Amino acid sequence: MLRIGIVLYPGFQVMNLAVSTVFEFANLALGKCAYEVVLLSERGGPVPASAGFAVHTQPFDESRFDTVLVVGDNEVIEPSPALIDFVQQAARTSRRIGATCTGAFNLAQAGILDGRRATTHWFFAAKFRRDYPNVALEEDRIFIIDGPVWTSAGMTACIDLALALVEKDFGGEVARQVARKLVVYHRRAGGQSQFSALLELAPKSDRIQTALAYAKQHLHTALSVEQLAEAAHLSPRQFSRTFRAETGQSPAKAVEHLRLEAARLMLESGRHPIDVIARETGFGDRERMRRAFLRAFGQPPQAIRRTTRGEHAQPN
């Protein structure tokens, strides 16, 4: 049985406890108690969440865990010395240690992330960089695996991290069964962006939303302004003016963002040649796609694919 210790503290964000449901459903899928989840805190007993209610915990002691996860909170609460001591001890004695959301700040303060790659909630990325310059923070990630250290982005990304842990322990089919029961994607790759291009554009009118939905469904085509305007039932001139007013971007730039998002997802799936991805997402050829990736992500498609494959190959 693999013991999972989840470290809580007053004011923790309750969404982080969703990881426990992933392990619970993994036990159901396996038909045995493969995981034992233990909620931990400095003194034990009830620990209040930011939502106002409390959950029962066991106190820190010398018990050993296969995996220890430190949860996050809404405000980057200063950890107690006892919490830092426990995390440092766990890093020495556990097979894996990780953090969800802003829990990465606790790992960083404990020195566990020095010289490593990590991620955290995008909202606190600037603060993290200022406070911990020795950590290679990659804010635009769902989760990151660096050796035995796992970190995930904000809120629901903790589910992606927990599913990846299950997949690492018991294989992809078990993780898929858990995801189906949770009604979530089986696995958003760790390198996938925390942001959605459509959410970032945030169009206000139904007409512009319709045009963007049309664009996403037809990325393999040229997608001229005239096409998008027709989908929105506007003249090209009126469409361009309205689109920029609602999104702050030109239609061409927005379409490029949609193409980049789709191409990156296909890259991370690992199933398609780069030439095919370039055609399917409307870039036309790999060189045009490479230039767009360098502008947006600072690295070419091949580098992103190598990073994703490296995460998949991490040893237990």
Foldseek 3Di string as FASTA:
>chain_A
DFEEEEEDAAAFACLLCVLVLLQVLLCVLVVHNPYDYFYEYQPFQWHHYNVGGTDGHDHDDPDAGQEYEYEHHDPLDDDDPSLLVSLLSNVVRYQAYEYEASSVVSCVVSVNQQQHEWEHALVCVVVCCVVRVRHNYDHFWQWDDDFRYIYGYDRPSSNQVSLVVSCQVPNQVSLVSSCVVVVHDSHQFGRAGPDDLVVLQQFDDPLQVQLVVVLLVPQLDQSDLCVSCVSSVHHSVVSQVSSCVRRVDGPVVSLLVSLLNQLLSVLLVVPDDQQVSCNNRNVNGQVSQQVSCCVPPVGGSVVSSVSSVVRVPHHD
